[in-house]
C-alpha atoms as a PDB file:
ATOM      1  CA  MET A   1     -11.094  -1.815  -7.966  1.00  0.00           C
ATOM      2  CA  ASP A   2      -8.957  -3.648 -10.537  1.00  0.00           C
ATOM      3  CA  ILE A   3      -8.056  -0.387 -12.231  1.00  0.00           C
ATOM      4  CA  LEU A   4      -6.889   1.173  -8.959  1.00  0.00           C
ATOM      5  CA  VAL A   5      -4.663  -1.827  -8.206  1.00  0.00           C
ATOM      6  CA  LYS A   6      -3.208  -1.637 -11.733  1.00  0.00           C
ATOM      7  CA  MET A   7      -2.373   2.035 -11.142  1.00  0.00           C
ATOM      8  CA  VAL A   8      -0.454   1.118  -8.009  1.00  0.00           C
ATOM      9  CA  ASN A   9       1.330  -1.789  -9.707  1.00  0.00           C
ATOM     10  CA  ARG A  10       2.552   0.222 -12.724  1.00  0.00           C
ATOM     11  CA  GLU A  11       6.157  -0.248 -13.763  1.00  0.00           C
ATOM     12  CA  VAL A  12       8.678   2.546 -13.258  1.00  0.00           C
ATOM     13  CA  ILE A  13       9.014   3.194 -17.001  1.00  0.00           C
ATOM     14  CA  MET A  14       5.281   3.826 -17.300  1.00  0.00           C
ATOM     15  CA  ASP A  15       5.030   5.442 -13.884  1.00  0.00           C
ATOM     16  CA  LEU A  16       2.131   7.718 -13.114  1.00  0.00           C
ATOM     17  CA  CYS A  17       2.623  10.832 -11.090  1.00  0.00           C
ATOM     18  CA  GLY A  18       2.742  10.249  -7.339  1.00  0.00           C
ATOM     19  CA  GLU A  19      -0.555  12.021  -6.711  1.00  0.00           C
ATOM     20  CA  VAL A  20      -2.483   9.521  -8.833  1.00  0.00           C
ATOM     21  CA  LYS A  21      -0.950   6.599  -6.945  1.00  0.00           C
ATOM     22  CA  PHE A  22      -1.626   8.392  -3.655  1.00  0.00           C
ATOM     23  CA  PHE A  23      -5.337   8.785  -4.457  1.00  0.00           C
ATOM     24  CA  ALA A  24      -5.605   5.197  -5.723  1.00  0.00           C
ATOM     25  CA  ILE A  25      -4.052   3.845  -2.513  1.00  0.00           C
ATOM     26  CA  SER A  26      -6.160   6.146  -0.332  1.00  0.00           C
ATOM     27  CA  SER A  27      -9.334   5.066  -2.126  1.00  0.00           C
ATOM     28  CA  LEU A  28      -8.522   1.390  -1.683  1.00  0.00           C
ATOM     29  CA  THR A  29      -7.667   1.953   1.991  1.00  0.00           C
ATOM     30  CA  THR A  30     -11.048   3.605   2.516  1.00  0.00           C
ATOM     31  CA  LEU A  31     -12.749   0.676   0.804  1.00  0.00           C
ATOM     32  CA  MET A  32     -10.872  -1.729   3.082  1.00  0.00           C
ATOM     33  CA  ASP A  33     -12.151   0.224   6.098  1.00  0.00           C
ATOM     34  CA  ILE A  34     -15.726  -0.147   4.856  1.00  0.00           C
ATOM     35  CA  PHE A  35     -15.416  -3.725   3.559  1.00  0.00           C
ATOM     36  CA  PRO A  36     -12.687  -5.606   5.506  1.00  0.00           C
ATOM     37  CA  GLN A  37     -13.220  -8.767   3.433  1.00  0.00           C
ATOM     38  CA  LEU A  38     -11.940  -6.801   0.424  1.00  0.00           C
ATOM     39  CA  CYS A  39      -8.370  -7.173   1.742  1.00  0.00           C
ATOM     40  CA  ASN A  40      -8.041 -10.757   0.550  1.00  0.00           C
ATOM     41  CA  SER A  41      -9.225  -9.837  -2.938  1.00  0.00           C
ATOM     42  CA  LEU A  42      -6.676  -7.036  -3.113  1.00  0.00           C
ATOM     43  CA  VAL A  43      -3.919  -9.392  -1.964  1.00  0.00           C
ATOM     44  CA  ASN A  44      -4.867 -11.807  -4.760  1.00  0.00           C
ATOM     45  CA  LEU A  45      -4.636  -8.951  -7.281  1.00  0.00           C
ATOM     46  CA  GLY A  46      -1.058  -8.173  -6.187  1.00  0.00           C
ATOM     47  CA  PHE A  47      -1.789  -4.998  -4.229  1.00  0.00           C
ATOM     48  CA  VAL A  48       0.738  -5.794  -1.476  1.00  0.00           C
ATOM     49  CA  LYS A  49       3.555  -6.216  -3.974  1.00  0.00           C
ATOM     50  CA  GLY A  50       2.597  -2.910  -5.591  1.00  0.00           C
ATOM     51  CA  LEU A  51       2.640  -1.167  -2.218  1.00  0.00           C
ATOM     52  CA  LYS A  52       6.073  -2.554  -1.428  1.00  0.00           C
ATOM     53  CA  ASN A  53       7.467  -1.473  -4.797  1.00  0.00           C
ATOM     54  CA  THR A  54       5.910   1.967  -4.445  1.00  0.00           C
ATOM     55  CA  MET A  55       7.544   2.441  -1.041  1.00  0.00           C
ATOM     56  CA  ASN A  56      10.905   1.380  -2.480  1.00  0.00           C
ATOM     57  CA  LEU A  57      10.760   3.656  -5.500  1.00  0.00           C
ATOM     58  CA  GLN A  58       9.051   6.761  -4.095  1.00  0.00           C
ATOM     59  CA  LEU A  59      11.245   7.504  -1.081  1.00  0.00           C
ATOM     60  CA  GLY A  60      10.871  11.276  -1.371  1.00  0.00           C
ATOM     61  CA  MET A  61       7.083  11.356  -1.354  1.00  0.00           C
ATOM     62  CA  ILE A  62       6.073  11.386   2.294  1.00  0.00           C
ATOM     63  CA  ASP A  63       2.302  11.348   1.706  1.00  0.00           C
ATOM     64  CA  LEU A  64       2.521   8.433  -0.717  1.00  0.00           C
ATOM     65  CA  ASN A  65       4.666   6.337   1.601  1.00  0.00           C
ATOM     66  CA  GLU A  66       2.384   7.081   4.533  1.00  0.00           C
ATOM     67  CA  ALA A  67      -0.617   5.963   2.448  1.00  0.00           C
ATOM     68  CA  CYS A  68       1.230   2.712   1.661  1.00  0.00           C
ATOM     69  CA  ILE A  69       1.880   2.081   5.344  1.00  0.00           C
ATOM     70  CA  LYS A  70      -1.768   2.736   6.228  1.00  0.00           C
ATOM     71  CA  ALA A  71      -2.928   0.342   3.497  1.00  0.00           C
ATOM     72  CA  LEU A  72      -0.534  -2.352   4.694  1.00  0.00           C
ATOM     73  CA  ASP A  73      -1.782  -1.760   8.240  1.00  0.00           C
ATOM     74  CA  ARG A  74      -5.343  -2.552   7.101  1.00  0.00           C
ATOM     75  CA  ILE A  75      -4.208  -5.655   5.208  1.00  0.00           C
ATOM     76  CA  VAL A  76      -2.261  -6.998   8.200  1.00  0.00           C
ATOM     77  CA  VAL A  77      -5.475  -7.207  10.203  1.00  0.00           C
ATOM     78  CA  GLU A  78      -7.156  -9.501   7.672  1.00  0.00           C
ATOM     79  CA  ASN A  79      -4.204 -11.291   6.045  1.00  0.00           C
ATOM     80  CA  PRO A  80      -0.910 -11.071   7.985  1.00  0.00           C
ATOM     81  CA  PRO A  81       0.913 -13.792   5.986  1.00  0.00           C
ATOM     82  CA  ALA A  82       0.535 -11.793   2.767  1.00  0.00           C
ATOM     83  CA  VAL A  83       2.445  -8.839   4.220  1.00  0.00           C
ATOM     84  CA  LEU A  84       5.104 -11.075   5.769  1.00  0.00           C
ATOM     85  CA  LYS A  85       5.666 -12.970   2.504  1.00  0.00           C
ATOM     86  CA  SER A  86       5.875  -9.754   0.474  1.00  0.00           C
ATOM     87  CA  GLY A  87       8.890  -8.480   2.400  1.00  0.00           C
ATOM     88  CA  ALA A  88       7.261  -5.110   3.096  1.00  0.00           C
ATOM     89  CA  ILE A  89       7.937  -5.174   6.849  1.00  0.00           C
ATOM     90  CA  PRO A  90      11.531  -3.844   6.630  1.00  0.00           C
ATOM     91  CA  ASN A  91      10.361  -0.978   4.402  1.00  0.00           C
ATOM     92  CA  MET A  92       7.597  -0.122   6.843  1.00  0.00           C
ATOM     93  CA  LEU A  93       9.926  -0.181   9.834  1.00  0.00           C
ATOM     94  CA  GLU A  94      12.508   1.994   8.062  1.00  0.00           C
ATOM     95  CA  GLN A  95       9.982   4.707   7.377  1.00  0.00           C
ATOM     96  CA  MET A  96       7.575   4.453  10.299  1.00  0.00           C
ATOM     97  CA  ASP A  97       9.470   6.915  12.494  1.00  0.00           C
ATOM     98  CA  PHE A  98       8.739   9.713  10.052  1.00  0.00           C
ATOM     99  CA  TYR A  99       4.946   9.365   9.895  1.00  0.00           C
ATOM    100  CA  ASN A 100       1.904   9.901  12.066  1.00  0.00           C
ATOM    101  CA  VAL A 101       0.605   6.359  11.785  1.00  0.00           C
ATOM    102  CA  GLY A 102      -1.100   5.238  14.938  1.00  0.00           C
ATOM    103  CA  THR A 103      -0.096   1.850  16.246  1.00  0.00           C
ATOM    104  CA  GLN A 104      -2.045  -0.168  18.769  1.00  0.00           C
END
């Protein structure tokens, strides 16, 4: 789990290809679906900040940004203050019109 979060949080200079980040985020999102209590551990590891930075830097990668929004959606259920404090809400709202993310 720590390794996947580190992949998402990589700096731009040492950036991995978008597909690797996409699979890391998708894997963590699946784990959050199975183990909802995992969300708080991921927040403590800085996963929300990594998601926000990924959405800012990878504007052209639709699949990657959609994966970030889905991951943030899972985190909001368990830890809403973490997403609010990260400043990811404006990024999500900017891009949400372009994706098939179900809202309830």
